């Protein structure tokens, strides 16, 4: 005679739950078997975790089955009801046998998850570091200076870290300096050197009005700090609004191009690469600067964009400027970079930095 009909309902629910867990256990068993057939240490680890999950599912299935049987027995009053309670010892015994292993495997999963999170953080930092360095060496946002229009473009090459940089900074009342440079090599060390050069030069430009003197002081300082095989090319231009001139010095850098008086003219190197000779001397040259005149500086990655054995070259850069010198400085920089990309038959492998300054 049924004394507790609700226990029959509970028993039915436990049977349904047991079936669900049993189906899940069968799927995990198939996964475990497939992983066992694989090879390699990662497959072995994965198969162990799958086996652990399979055992947990079996344990849960048996537990629900036993509870269903106990509920049926308890629904009827009879001597065998107490015997069904003994069946609970089965999942309890399984818990005692496998429980410690379950805990150990849970710790293993947690440890692996922690290691994966750390690995993701390291990879994220490694990916973020070049962008952070580039943002310092070749910033997207440049300060505005009254009387000047400034444009820029930058594209990292295939190296891990950039060695190209540019800067534009005031050096006194109505005087603004524009700088572009390139440290040889790729990786973290050239990037560190580029960072040092950029900010040391700001200090020396405050001390010396003549850009050649600033370069000589910079050369002496960084020659004592950098590796022998690490060289720096750099072009430094100081604009003087009051005098209506620009004064420049260049340490082995590709020629800057100046649009002046209806023509494009090169401002070529006035001394050797920095660190090549710690006692090297540099010369400065002064050029008249009218309203509307435009100066374009760039690193060698632009001129050395390749189409087979042919280089994009200095003359193509000059021709591009000559074609539309009145275009906005920022547009000119971006169109120069796009022209080099279109010319090259493959990706541009070296970093490219372009800086344009127009007197308005």
Protein backbone atom coordinates (compact mmCIF):
# COMPACT_ATOMS: atom_id res chain seq x y z
CA UNK A 1 0.00 0.00 0.00
CA UNK A 2 1.34 3.46 -0.97
CA UNK A 3 1.69 5.55 2.18
CA UNK A 4 3.66 8.50 0.73
CA UNK A 5 2.70 9.14 -2.92
CA UNK A 6 4.91 12.26 -3.10
CA UNK A 7 7.92 10.00 -2.68
CA UNK A 8 6.92 8.21 -5.88
CA UNK A 9 6.96 11.58 -7.67
CA UNK A 10 10.39 12.28 -6.21
CA UNK A 11 11.50 8.81 -7.31
CA UNK A 12 10.36 9.51 -10.88
CA UNK A 13 12.24 12.81 -10.89
CA UNK A 14 15.38 11.06 -9.67
CA UNK A 15 15.05 8.49 -12.48
CA UNK A 16 14.82 11.28 -15.06
CA UNK A 17 17.87 12.97 -13.55
CA UNK A 18 19.76 9.67 -13.54
CA UNK A 19 19.02 9.18 -17.24
CA UNK A 20 20.31 12.70 -18.05
CA UNK A 21 23.53 12.18 -16.08
CA UNK A 22 23.95 8.72 -17.64
CA UNK A 23 23.76 10.15 -21.16
CA UNK A 24 26.30 12.81 -20.22
CA UNK A 25 28.58 10.10 -18.77
CA UNK A 26 28.39 8.09 -22.01
CA UNK A 27 29.41 11.13 -24.06
CA UNK A 28 32.31 11.85 -21.74
CA UNK A 29 33.39 8.22 -21.96
CA UNK A 30 33.52 8.48 -25.77
CA UNK A 31 35.58 11.67 -25.50
CA UNK A 32 37.92 10.01 -23.02
CA UNK A 33 38.41 7.02 -25.32
CA UNK A 34 39.11 9.23 -28.33
CA UNK A 35 41.67 11.25 -26.38
CA UNK A 36 43.37 8.05 -25.24
CA UNK A 37 43.87 7.10 -28.88
CA UNK A 38 45.75 10.37 -29.46
CA UNK A 39 49.41 10.94 -28.75
CA UNK A 40 51.47 13.58 -27.01
CA UNK A 41 51.57 14.96 -23.50
CA UNK A 42 48.72 17.42 -24.06
CA UNK A 43 46.46 14.56 -25.18
CA UNK A 44 47.34 12.56 -22.05
CA UNK A 45 46.49 15.48 -19.77
CA UNK A 46 43.22 16.09 -21.58
CA UNK A 47 42.26 12.41 -21.42
CA UNK A 48 42.93 12.37 -17.66
CA UNK A 49 40.63 15.33 -17.12
CA UNK A 50 37.97 13.73 -19.35
CA UNK A 51 38.21 10.51 -17.35
CA UNK A 52 37.78 12.45 -14.12
CA UNK A 53 34.69 14.18 -15.47
CA UNK A 54 33.33 10.81 -16.67
CA UNK A 55 33.71 9.30 -13.20
CA UNK A 56 31.95 12.24 -11.61
CA UNK A 57 29.03 11.78 -14.01
CA UNK A 58 28.86 8.05 -13.21
CA UNK A 59 28.92 8.85 -9.52
CA UNK A 60 26.04 11.33 -9.91
CA UNK A 61 24.06 8.86 -12.05
CA UNK A 62 24.38 6.12 -9.41
CA UNK A 63 23.46 8.57 -6.67
CA UNK A 64 20.20 9.56 -8.38
CA UNK A 65 19.43 5.91 -9.14
CA UNK A 66 19.89 4.87 -5.54
CA UNK A 67 17.81 7.80 -4.28
CA UNK A 68 15.03 6.80 -6.71
CA UNK A 69 15.06 3.24 -5.36
CA UNK A 70 15.08 4.48 -1.75
CA UNK A 71 12.15 6.80 -2.46
CA UNK A 72 10.14 3.91 -3.92
CA UNK A 73 10.92 1.77 -0.91
CA UNK A 74 10.08 4.55 1.51
CA UNK A 75 6.74 5.13 -0.23
CA UNK A 76 5.64 1.69 0.91
CA UNK A 77 5.70 0.56 4.50
CA UNK A 78 7.54 -2.69 4.71
CA UNK A 79 10.51 -4.42 6.20
CA UNK A 80 12.56 -4.16 2.98
CA UNK A 81 12.44 -0.33 3.13
CA UNK A 82 15.33 -0.27 5.52
CA UNK A 83 17.29 -2.55 3.23
CA UNK A 84 17.02 -0.05 0.37
CA UNK A 85 18.71 2.55 2.54
CA UNK A 86 21.78 0.33 2.47
CA UNK A 87 22.09 1.11 -1.26
CA UNK A 88 23.14 4.65 -0.32
CA UNK A 89 26.42 3.12 0.77
CA UNK A 90 27.33 2.60 -2.89
CA UNK A 91 27.68 6.30 -3.90
CA UNK A 92 29.12 7.05 -0.46
CA UNK A 93 31.81 4.42 -1.02
CA UNK A 94 32.52 5.85 -4.47
CA UNK A 95 32.91 9.31 -2.96
CA UNK A 96 35.38 7.97 -0.40
CA UNK A 97 37.37 6.11 -3.08
CA UNK A 98 37.40 8.84 -5.75
CA UNK A 99 36.89 11.98 -3.67
CA UNK A 100 40.55 12.72 -3.05
CA UNK A 101 41.31 12.17 -6.73
CA UNK A 102 38.48 14.51 -7.72
CA UNK A 103 39.92 17.23 -5.49
CA UNK A 104 43.43 16.75 -6.89
CA UNK A 105 42.14 16.96 -10.45
CA UNK A 106 40.11 20.06 -9.58
CA UNK A 107 43.31 21.66 -8.24
CA UNK A 108 45.07 20.69 -11.47
CA UNK A 109 42.37 22.33 -13.57
CA UNK A 110 42.57 25.48 -11.45
CA UNK A 111 46.37 25.55 -11.78
CA UNK A 112 46.21 25.12 -15.54
CA UNK A 113 43.60 27.87 -15.81
CA UNK A 114 45.86 30.17 -13.79
CA UNK A 115 48.84 29.39 -16.03
CA UNK A 116 46.76 30.06 -19.13
CA UNK A 117 45.63 33.40 -17.73
CA UNK A 118 49.25 34.35 -17.01
CA UNK A 119 50.29 33.28 -20.50
CA UNK A 120 47.51 35.41 -22.01
CA UNK A 121 48.62 38.39 -19.92
CA UNK A 122 52.23 37.96 -21.07
CA UNK A 123 51.15 37.71 -24.71
CA UNK A 124 48.93 40.74 -24.28
CA UNK A 125 51.84 42.75 -22.83
CA UNK A 126 54.14 41.57 -25.64
CA UNK A 127 51.60 42.73 -28.22
CA UNK A 128 50.93 45.97 -26.39
CA UNK A 129 54.57 46.95 -25.80
CA UNK A 130 55.45 47.78 -29.45
CA UNK A 131 52.32 49.93 -29.74
CA UNK A 132 53.14 51.76 -26.51
CA UNK A 133 56.72 52.40 -27.66
CA UNK A 134 55.50 53.60 -31.06
CA UNK A 135 53.06 55.96 -29.34
CA UNK A 136 56.01 57.56 -27.51
CA UNK A 137 58.42 57.60 -30.45
CA UNK A 138 55.97 58.51 -33.21
CA UNK A 139 52.81 59.88 -31.56
CA UNK A 140 49.58 60.21 -33.51
CA UNK A 141 48.72 63.53 -31.88
CA UNK A 142 51.26 66.30 -32.26
CA UNK A 143 51.10 69.70 -30.53
CA UNK A 144 49.86 72.67 -32.51
CA UNK A 145 52.07 75.72 -32.96
CA UNK A 146 50.81 79.08 -34.11
CA UNK A 147 52.09 79.86 -37.58
CA UNK A 148 52.72 76.21 -38.54
CA UNK A 149 50.73 73.33 -39.96
CA UNK A 150 52.04 69.89 -39.05
CA UNK A 151 51.25 66.47 -40.56
CA UNK A 152 52.61 63.03 -39.89
CA UNK A 153 52.31 59.38 -40.91
CA UNK A 154 53.84 56.29 -39.37
CA UNK A 155 53.78 52.60 -40.21
CA UNK A 156 55.74 49.92 -38.34
CA UNK A 157 57.60 47.38 -40.43
CA UNK A 158 57.90 43.65 -39.82
CA UNK A 159 60.29 44.09 -36.87
CA UNK A 160 59.10 43.55 -33.32
CA UNK A 161 59.93 47.07 -32.10
CA UNK A 162 60.30 50.38 -33.86
CA UNK A 163 63.53 52.37 -34.14
CA UNK A 164 62.03 55.29 -36.09
CA UNK A 165 60.92 58.43 -34.29
CA UNK A 166 59.90 62.03 -34.84
CA UNK A 167 59.26 65.05 -32.67
CA UNK A 168 58.20 68.65 -32.87
CA UNK A 169 58.90 70.87 -29.88
CA UNK A 170 59.35 74.57 -29.01
CA UNK A 171 62.91 75.66 -28.30
CA UNK A 172 62.24 79.29 -27.47
CA UNK A 173 59.97 82.23 -28.29
CA UNK A 174 58.87 81.89 -31.94
CA UNK A 175 61.28 78.98 -32.47
CA UNK A 176 60.14 75.41 -33.16
CA UNK A 177 62.28 72.34 -33.82
CA UNK A 178 61.24 69.40 -36.00
CA UNK A 179 63.19 66.16 -35.68
CA UNK A 180 63.07 62.81 -37.42
CA UNK A 181 65.44 59.88 -36.85
CA UNK A 182 66.10 56.20 -37.31
CA UNK A 183 68.13 53.83 -35.13
CA UNK A 184 69.65 50.87 -36.95
CA UNK A 185 68.37 47.38 -36.17
CA UNK A 186 65.15 46.01 -34.76
CA UNK A 187 64.02 45.03 -31.30
CA UNK A 188 63.91 46.53 -27.85
CA UNK A 189 67.45 47.99 -27.72
CA UNK A 190 67.13 50.26 -30.81
CA UNK A 191 63.76 51.40 -29.46
CA UNK A 192 65.33 52.33 -26.13
CA UNK A 193 68.10 54.21 -27.94
CA UNK A 194 65.51 56.05 -30.06
CA UNK A 195 63.66 57.04 -26.90
CA UNK A 196 66.88 58.35 -25.32
CA UNK A 197 67.87 60.30 -28.44
CA UNK A 198 64.46 61.92 -28.79
CA UNK A 199 64.32 63.25 -25.25
CA UNK A 200 68.02 64.08 -24.85
CA UNK A 201 67.75 66.19 -27.97
CA UNK A 202 64.93 68.20 -26.39
CA UNK A 203 67.32 69.09 -23.56
CA UNK A 204 70.20 70.05 -25.87
CA UNK A 205 67.95 72.16 -28.09
CA UNK A 206 67.16 74.27 -25.02
CA UNK A 207 70.89 74.77 -24.42
CA UNK A 208 72.09 75.41 -27.99
CA UNK A 209 70.45 77.64 -30.59
CA UNK A 210 72.54 76.06 -33.35
CA UNK A 211 71.23 72.58 -34.35
CA UNK A 212 74.77 71.45 -35.28
CA UNK A 213 75.94 72.11 -31.72
CA UNK A 214 72.98 70.17 -30.35
CA UNK A 215 73.87 67.23 -32.62
CA UNK A 216 77.52 67.27 -31.56
CA UNK A 217 76.57 67.20 -27.89
CA UNK A 218 74.02 64.46 -28.51
CA UNK A 219 76.55 62.41 -30.47
CA UNK A 220 79.12 62.60 -27.67
CA UNK A 221 76.59 61.49 -25.04
CA UNK A 222 74.94 58.59 -26.85
CA UNK A 223 78.24 57.32 -28.29
CA UNK A 224 79.28 56.51 -24.73
CA UNK A 225 76.00 54.68 -24.03
CA UNK A 226 75.09 52.68 -27.15
CA UNK A 227 76.54 49.53 -28.66
CA UNK A 228 79.26 49.87 -31.30
CA UNK A 229 77.04 48.44 -34.06
CA UNK A 230 74.10 50.75 -33.28
CA UNK A 231 73.97 53.87 -35.46
CA UNK A 232 71.49 56.73 -35.60
CA UNK A 233 70.53 58.85 -38.60
CA UNK A 234 68.78 62.10 -37.73
CA UNK A 235 67.61 65.32 -39.34
CA UNK A 236 67.04 68.37 -37.13
CA UNK A 237 65.38 71.56 -38.36
CA UNK A 238 64.81 74.70 -36.28
CA UNK A 239 62.19 77.13 -37.59
CA UNK A 240 62.61 80.77 -36.59
CA UNK A 241 59.42 82.74 -37.21
CA UNK A 242 60.89 86.09 -36.26
CA UNK A 243 63.80 85.74 -38.70
CA UNK A 244 61.74 83.95 -41.35
CA UNK A 245 64.31 81.16 -41.68
CA UNK A 246 64.90 77.50 -41.01
CA UNK A 247 68.27 76.24 -39.84
CA UNK A 248 69.05 72.55 -40.19
CA UNK A 249 71.70 69.91 -39.51
CA UNK A 250 71.54 66.29 -40.61
CA UNK A 251 73.47 63.28 -39.31
CA UNK A 252 73.63 60.90 -42.24
CA UNK A 253 69.86 61.07 -42.78
CA UNK A 254 68.01 60.84 -46.12
CA UNK A 255 67.47 64.32 -47.60
CA UNK A 256 64.51 66.34 -46.38
CA UNK A 257 62.59 68.05 -49.18
CA UNK A 258 61.74 71.75 -49.01
CA UNK A 259 59.07 73.34 -51.20
CA UNK A 260 60.26 76.93 -51.59
CA UNK A 261 59.88 79.55 -54.31
CA UNK A 262 57.95 77.18 -56.61
CA UNK A 263 60.46 74.34 -56.50
CA UNK A 264 61.39 71.30 -54.41
CA UNK A 265 64.98 71.24 -53.15
CA UNK A 266 66.82 68.66 -50.98
CA UNK A 267 68.34 69.42 -47.59
CA UNK A 268 71.13 66.88 -47.52
CA UNK A 269 73.31 65.46 -44.76
CA UNK A 270 75.75 67.81 -43.04
CA UNK A 271 77.64 65.21 -41.01
CA UNK A 272 78.07 61.47 -40.36
CA UNK A 273 75.71 59.09 -38.59
CA UNK A 274 75.53 59.56 -34.84
CA UNK A 275 77.79 57.18 -32.80
CA UNK A 276 79.97 56.52 -35.88
CA UNK A 277 82.57 58.89 -34.46
CA UNK A 278 82.10 60.33 -30.94
CA UNK A 279 84.13 63.44 -31.92
CA UNK A 280 82.43 64.04 -35.27
CA UNK A 281 81.62 67.62 -36.23
CA UNK A 282 78.39 68.76 -37.86
CA UNK A 283 77.52 71.82 -39.91
CA UNK A 284 74.34 73.90 -39.93
CA UNK A 285 72.80 75.56 -42.94
CA UNK A 286 70.21 78.32 -43.02
CA UNK A 287 67.47 78.73 -45.61
CA UNK A 288 64.90 81.48 -46.07
CA UNK A 289 61.38 80.36 -45.17
CA UNK A 290 58.37 82.10 -46.69
CA UNK A 291 54.70 81.74 -45.83
CA UNK A 292 53.35 78.61 -47.53
CA UNK A 293 56.74 76.88 -47.69
CA UNK A 294 56.61 73.16 -46.87
CA UNK A 295 59.25 70.84 -45.43
CA UNK A 296 58.90 67.03 -45.66
CA UNK A 297 61.11 64.73 -43.57
CA UNK A 298 61.02 60.93 -43.66
CA UNK A 299 62.96 57.81 -42.68
CA UNK A 300 64.63 55.49 -45.17
CA UNK A 301 61.83 52.90 -45.02
CA UNK A 302 59.83 55.18 -47.35
CA UNK A 303 62.53 55.55 -50.01
CA UNK A 304 63.49 51.86 -49.78
CA UNK A 305 60.02 50.44 -50.51
CA UNK A 306 60.70 47.85 -53.22
CA UNK A 307 59.12 46.67 -56.44
CA UNK A 308 61.41 43.80 -57.33
CA UNK A 309 64.89 45.29 -57.56
CA UNK A 310 63.61 48.85 -57.92
CA UNK A 311 63.33 51.31 -55.01
CA UNK A 312 60.61 53.91 -54.50
CA UNK A 313 63.50 56.35 -54.17
CA UNK A 314 64.07 59.99 -53.36
CA UNK A 315 63.00 61.33 -56.76
CA UNK A 316 59.55 59.75 -56.51
CA UNK A 317 59.15 61.39 -53.10
CA UNK A 318 60.13 64.77 -54.56
CA UNK A 319 57.81 64.29 -57.55
CA UNK A 320 54.92 63.43 -55.24
CA UNK A 321 55.47 66.66 -53.27
CA UNK A 322 55.87 68.69 -56.46
CA UNK A 323 52.57 67.37 -57.84
CA UNK A 324 50.44 69.04 -55.13
CA UNK A 325 52.50 71.06 -52.62
CA UNK A 326 49.46 72.98 -51.38
CA UNK A 327 47.61 69.94 -50.05
CA UNK A 328 47.13 69.68 -46.26
CA UNK A 329 50.31 68.51 -44.52
CA UNK A 330 48.63 65.50 -42.92
CA UNK A 331 47.05 64.47 -46.23
CA UNK A 332 50.40 64.76 -47.98
CA UNK A 333 52.08 62.45 -45.43
CA UNK A 334 49.37 59.81 -45.71
CA UNK A 335 49.32 59.98 -49.52
CA UNK A 336 53.11 59.55 -49.63
CA UNK A 337 52.83 56.43 -47.49
CA UNK A 338 49.98 55.11 -49.67
CA UNK A 339 52.05 55.75 -52.83
CA UNK A 340 54.95 53.75 -51.40
CA UNK A 341 52.60 50.90 -50.48
CA UNK A 342 51.10 50.89 -53.97
CA UNK A 343 54.57 50.90 -55.53
CA UNK A 344 55.91 48.00 -53.42
CA UNK A 345 55.23 44.48 -54.64
CA UNK A 346 55.18 43.17 -51.06
CA UNK A 347 54.78 44.54 -47.56
CA UNK A 348 57.14 47.36 -46.56
CA UNK A 349 59.56 45.58 -44.26
CA UNK A 350 61.16 48.58 -42.58
CA UNK A 351 59.50 51.16 -40.33
CA UNK A 352 58.31 54.30 -42.10
CA UNK A 353 57.94 57.70 -40.43
CA UNK A 354 56.98 60.89 -42.28
CA UNK A 355 56.75 64.41 -40.88
CA UNK A 356 55.61 67.51 -42.80
CA UNK A 357 55.73 71.11 -41.56
CA UNK A 358 54.33 74.13 -43.43
CA UNK A 359 54.72 77.76 -42.46
CA UNK A 360 51.25 79.28 -42.68
